[in-house]
N, C-alpha and C. Protein backbone atom coordinates (compact mmCIF):
# COMPACT_ATOMS: atom_id res chain seq x y z
N MET A 1 198.39 42.70 67.31
CA MET A 1 199.23 42.73 68.49
C MET A 1 200.55 43.39 68.17
N ARG A 2 201.00 44.21 69.06
CA ARG A 2 202.31 44.84 68.91
C ARG A 2 203.16 44.51 70.13
N ALA A 3 204.39 44.18 69.87
CA ALA A 3 205.33 43.93 70.95
C ALA A 3 206.67 44.49 70.53
N GLY A 4 207.16 45.45 71.25
CA GLY A 4 208.43 46.05 70.90
C GLY A 4 208.40 46.74 69.55
N GLY A 5 207.23 47.21 69.14
CA GLY A 5 207.11 47.95 67.90
C GLY A 5 206.84 47.10 66.67
N LEU A 6 206.80 45.78 66.80
CA LEU A 6 206.55 44.92 65.64
C LEU A 6 205.12 44.40 65.68
N ALA A 7 204.42 44.54 64.57
CA ALA A 7 203.09 43.94 64.45
C ALA A 7 203.26 42.43 64.35
N ALA A 8 202.23 41.69 64.71
CA ALA A 8 202.32 40.22 64.77
C ALA A 8 202.87 39.58 63.50
N PRO A 9 202.40 39.95 62.28
CA PRO A 9 202.96 39.29 61.09
C PRO A 9 204.46 39.50 60.93
N LYS A 10 204.95 40.69 61.21
CA LYS A 10 206.39 40.96 61.10
C LYS A 10 207.16 40.22 62.18
N LEU A 11 206.59 40.13 63.37
CA LEU A 11 207.21 39.42 64.47
C LEU A 11 207.33 37.93 64.13
N ILE A 12 206.26 37.36 63.61
CA ILE A 12 206.26 35.95 63.22
C ILE A 12 207.29 35.72 62.12
N GLU A 13 207.31 36.59 61.14
CA GLU A 13 208.29 36.46 60.05
C GLU A 13 209.71 36.52 60.59
N ALA A 14 209.99 37.44 61.49
CA ALA A 14 211.34 37.56 62.05
C ALA A 14 211.72 36.31 62.84
N ALA A 15 210.77 35.74 63.58
CA ALA A 15 211.05 34.53 64.35
C ALA A 15 211.30 33.35 63.41
N VAL A 16 210.50 33.20 62.37
CA VAL A 16 210.68 32.10 61.41
C VAL A 16 212.04 32.23 60.73
N VAL A 17 212.40 33.43 60.33
CA VAL A 17 213.71 33.65 59.69
C VAL A 17 214.83 33.26 60.67
N LEU A 18 214.69 33.65 61.93
CA LEU A 18 215.69 33.29 62.94
C LEU A 18 215.83 31.78 63.05
N PHE A 19 214.71 31.08 63.22
CA PHE A 19 214.76 29.62 63.38
C PHE A 19 215.29 28.95 62.12
N ALA A 20 214.85 29.39 60.96
CA ALA A 20 215.27 28.77 59.70
C ALA A 20 216.74 29.05 59.39
N SER A 21 217.28 30.12 59.95
CA SER A 21 218.68 30.46 59.67
C SER A 21 219.66 29.51 60.33
N ALA A 22 219.20 28.75 61.31
CA ALA A 22 220.09 27.84 62.02
C ALA A 22 219.35 26.56 62.40
N PRO A 23 219.03 25.70 61.43
CA PRO A 23 218.31 24.46 61.73
C PRO A 23 219.04 23.65 62.80
N GLY A 24 218.29 23.17 63.76
CA GLY A 24 218.86 22.35 64.82
C GLY A 24 219.39 23.14 66.00
N LYS A 25 219.58 24.42 65.82
CA LYS A 25 220.08 25.25 66.92
C LYS A 25 218.96 25.49 67.93
N VAL A 26 219.32 25.48 69.19
CA VAL A 26 218.38 25.78 70.26
C VAL A 26 218.57 27.23 70.66
N PHE A 27 217.48 28.00 70.63
CA PHE A 27 217.52 29.42 70.97
C PHE A 27 216.89 29.63 72.35
N SER A 28 217.56 30.37 73.19
CA SER A 28 216.99 30.73 74.49
C SER A 28 215.93 31.80 74.27
N LYS A 29 215.06 31.97 75.24
CA LYS A 29 214.07 33.04 75.15
C LYS A 29 214.77 34.38 75.02
N GLU A 30 215.86 34.56 75.74
CA GLU A 30 216.62 35.81 75.68
C GLU A 30 217.13 36.09 74.28
N ALA A 31 217.65 35.04 73.63
CA ALA A 31 218.19 35.20 72.28
C ALA A 31 217.09 35.51 71.28
N ILE A 32 215.93 34.87 71.44
CA ILE A 32 214.81 35.13 70.52
C ILE A 32 214.34 36.56 70.67
N VAL A 33 214.15 37.01 71.91
CA VAL A 33 213.69 38.40 72.14
C VAL A 33 214.70 39.39 71.59
N GLN A 34 215.97 39.15 71.83
CA GLN A 34 217.00 40.07 71.33
C GLN A 34 216.98 40.12 69.80
N ALA A 35 216.87 38.96 69.16
CA ALA A 35 216.90 38.91 67.70
C ALA A 35 215.63 39.47 67.07
N VAL A 36 214.47 39.20 67.67
CA VAL A 36 213.20 39.58 67.07
C VAL A 36 212.79 41.00 67.44
N TRP A 37 212.89 41.33 68.73
CA TRP A 37 212.45 42.66 69.20
C TRP A 37 213.59 43.65 69.35
N ASN A 38 214.82 43.13 69.43
CA ASN A 38 216.00 43.97 69.63
C ASN A 38 215.93 44.74 70.95
N VAL A 39 215.46 44.04 71.99
CA VAL A 39 215.41 44.60 73.34
C VAL A 39 215.88 43.53 74.31
N GLU A 40 216.15 43.93 75.53
CA GLU A 40 216.54 42.99 76.57
C GLU A 40 215.31 42.20 77.02
N TYR A 41 215.48 40.91 77.20
CA TYR A 41 214.39 40.03 77.61
C TYR A 41 213.92 40.33 79.03
N HIS A 42 212.61 40.37 79.19
CA HIS A 42 211.99 40.48 80.51
C HIS A 42 210.80 39.53 80.52
N PRO A 43 210.78 38.54 81.44
CA PRO A 43 209.74 37.52 81.41
C PRO A 43 208.32 38.07 81.45
N LEU A 44 208.07 39.07 82.25
CA LEU A 44 206.71 39.60 82.35
C LEU A 44 206.26 40.30 81.07
N ARG A 45 207.19 40.83 80.32
CA ARG A 45 206.85 41.52 79.07
C ARG A 45 206.83 40.59 77.87
N HIS A 46 207.65 39.56 77.89
CA HIS A 46 207.86 38.80 76.66
C HIS A 46 207.36 37.36 76.65
N ASP A 47 207.23 36.71 77.79
CA ASP A 47 206.88 35.29 77.78
C ASP A 47 205.56 34.99 77.07
N ALA A 48 204.52 35.73 77.38
CA ALA A 48 203.21 35.46 76.75
C ALA A 48 203.29 35.65 75.24
N ALA A 49 203.95 36.71 74.80
CA ALA A 49 204.07 36.97 73.35
C ALA A 49 204.91 35.89 72.68
N LEU A 50 205.99 35.44 73.34
CA LEU A 50 206.81 34.37 72.76
C LEU A 50 205.99 33.10 72.57
N PHE A 51 205.32 32.65 73.62
CA PHE A 51 204.56 31.41 73.52
C PHE A 51 203.42 31.53 72.52
N THR A 52 202.74 32.67 72.49
CA THR A 52 201.65 32.88 71.55
C THR A 52 202.15 32.83 70.12
N ASN A 53 203.26 33.48 69.85
CA ASN A 53 203.76 33.53 68.47
C ASN A 53 204.39 32.23 68.03
N ILE A 54 204.99 31.48 68.94
CA ILE A 54 205.48 30.15 68.58
C ILE A 54 204.29 29.26 68.24
N MET A 55 203.21 29.38 69.00
CA MET A 55 201.99 28.62 68.70
C MET A 55 201.46 29.00 67.31
N ARG A 56 201.47 30.28 66.97
CA ARG A 56 201.01 30.74 65.65
C ARG A 56 201.88 30.17 64.54
N ILE A 57 203.19 30.18 64.75
CA ILE A 57 204.10 29.64 63.75
C ILE A 57 203.82 28.15 63.54
N ARG A 58 203.64 27.42 64.63
CA ARG A 58 203.32 26.00 64.51
C ARG A 58 202.05 25.78 63.70
N ARG A 59 201.03 26.58 63.94
CA ARG A 59 199.78 26.45 63.18
C ARG A 59 200.01 26.73 61.70
N LEU A 60 200.80 27.76 61.39
CA LEU A 60 201.09 28.09 60.00
C LEU A 60 201.85 26.97 59.30
N LEU A 61 202.64 26.24 60.05
CA LEU A 61 203.43 25.15 59.48
C LEU A 61 202.61 23.87 59.28
N GLY A 62 201.40 23.84 59.80
CA GLY A 62 200.52 22.70 59.58
C GLY A 62 200.73 21.58 60.58
N GLU A 63 200.37 20.38 60.15
CA GLU A 63 200.38 19.21 61.03
C GLU A 63 201.72 18.97 61.70
N ASP A 64 202.80 19.23 61.00
CA ASP A 64 204.14 18.97 61.54
C ASP A 64 204.70 20.15 62.34
N GLY A 65 203.90 21.19 62.53
CA GLY A 65 204.39 22.39 63.21
C GLY A 65 205.01 22.15 64.56
N SER A 66 204.40 21.27 65.35
CA SER A 66 204.95 21.03 66.68
C SER A 66 206.24 20.21 66.63
N GLU A 67 206.48 19.52 65.52
CA GLU A 67 207.74 18.80 65.36
C GLU A 67 208.81 19.70 64.75
N ILE A 68 208.39 20.64 63.94
CA ILE A 68 209.35 21.54 63.30
C ILE A 68 209.88 22.57 64.29
N ILE A 69 208.98 23.16 65.06
CA ILE A 69 209.37 24.12 66.09
C ILE A 69 209.08 23.46 67.44
N ARG A 70 210.13 23.10 68.12
CA ARG A 70 209.98 22.42 69.41
C ARG A 70 210.39 23.34 70.54
N VAL A 71 209.68 23.25 71.65
CA VAL A 71 210.02 24.01 72.85
C VAL A 71 210.28 23.00 73.95
N PRO A 72 211.57 22.76 74.23
CA PRO A 72 211.90 21.81 75.29
C PRO A 72 211.52 22.34 76.67
N ARG A 73 211.57 21.50 77.66
CA ARG A 73 211.21 21.90 79.02
C ARG A 73 212.02 23.09 79.53
N THR A 74 213.18 23.32 78.97
CA THR A 74 214.01 24.44 79.41
C THR A 74 213.52 25.76 78.84
N ALA A 75 212.43 25.72 78.07
CA ALA A 75 211.79 26.90 77.48
C ALA A 75 212.69 27.63 76.49
N THR A 76 213.47 26.86 75.75
CA THR A 76 214.19 27.41 74.61
C THR A 76 213.48 26.87 73.37
N ALA A 77 213.78 27.37 72.22
CA ALA A 77 213.11 26.90 71.01
C ALA A 77 214.15 26.53 69.96
N SER A 78 213.80 25.56 69.14
CA SER A 78 214.71 25.15 68.09
C SER A 78 213.93 24.74 66.86
N CYS A 79 214.63 24.75 65.73
CA CYS A 79 214.06 24.32 64.46
C CYS A 79 214.97 23.24 63.92
N PRO A 80 214.56 21.96 64.00
CA PRO A 80 215.46 20.88 63.61
C PRO A 80 215.71 20.75 62.12
N ARG A 81 214.90 21.38 61.29
CA ARG A 81 215.12 21.30 59.85
C ARG A 81 214.79 22.64 59.19
N VAL A 82 215.23 22.78 57.97
CA VAL A 82 215.02 24.03 57.23
C VAL A 82 213.54 24.21 56.90
N ILE A 83 213.05 25.41 57.07
CA ILE A 83 211.67 25.73 56.72
C ILE A 83 211.69 26.52 55.42
N SER A 84 210.93 26.08 54.44
CA SER A 84 210.79 26.83 53.20
C SER A 84 209.45 27.54 53.22
N TYR A 85 209.46 28.81 52.94
CA TYR A 85 208.22 29.56 52.85
C TYR A 85 208.38 30.66 51.82
N SER A 86 207.26 31.13 51.32
CA SER A 86 207.34 32.19 50.31
C SER A 86 206.61 33.41 50.78
């Protein structure tokens, strides 16, 4: 999958780095798209890719993935603790 020129693994890596860089911070969809794709957010272009890739990140994080990356009802995302990955 490509979105804004990034293949899925690079997109996932960029999102994880963003979340891990500010544990506990809540990111809006607009902020995530700007940081990861470096384009202006548009719901029809980005919502499906955002939700799909957050789901992928949660799976990669294992059983605690849904607790590590949370999406509140306001559709922003946050990482309450530091993620270590290699």
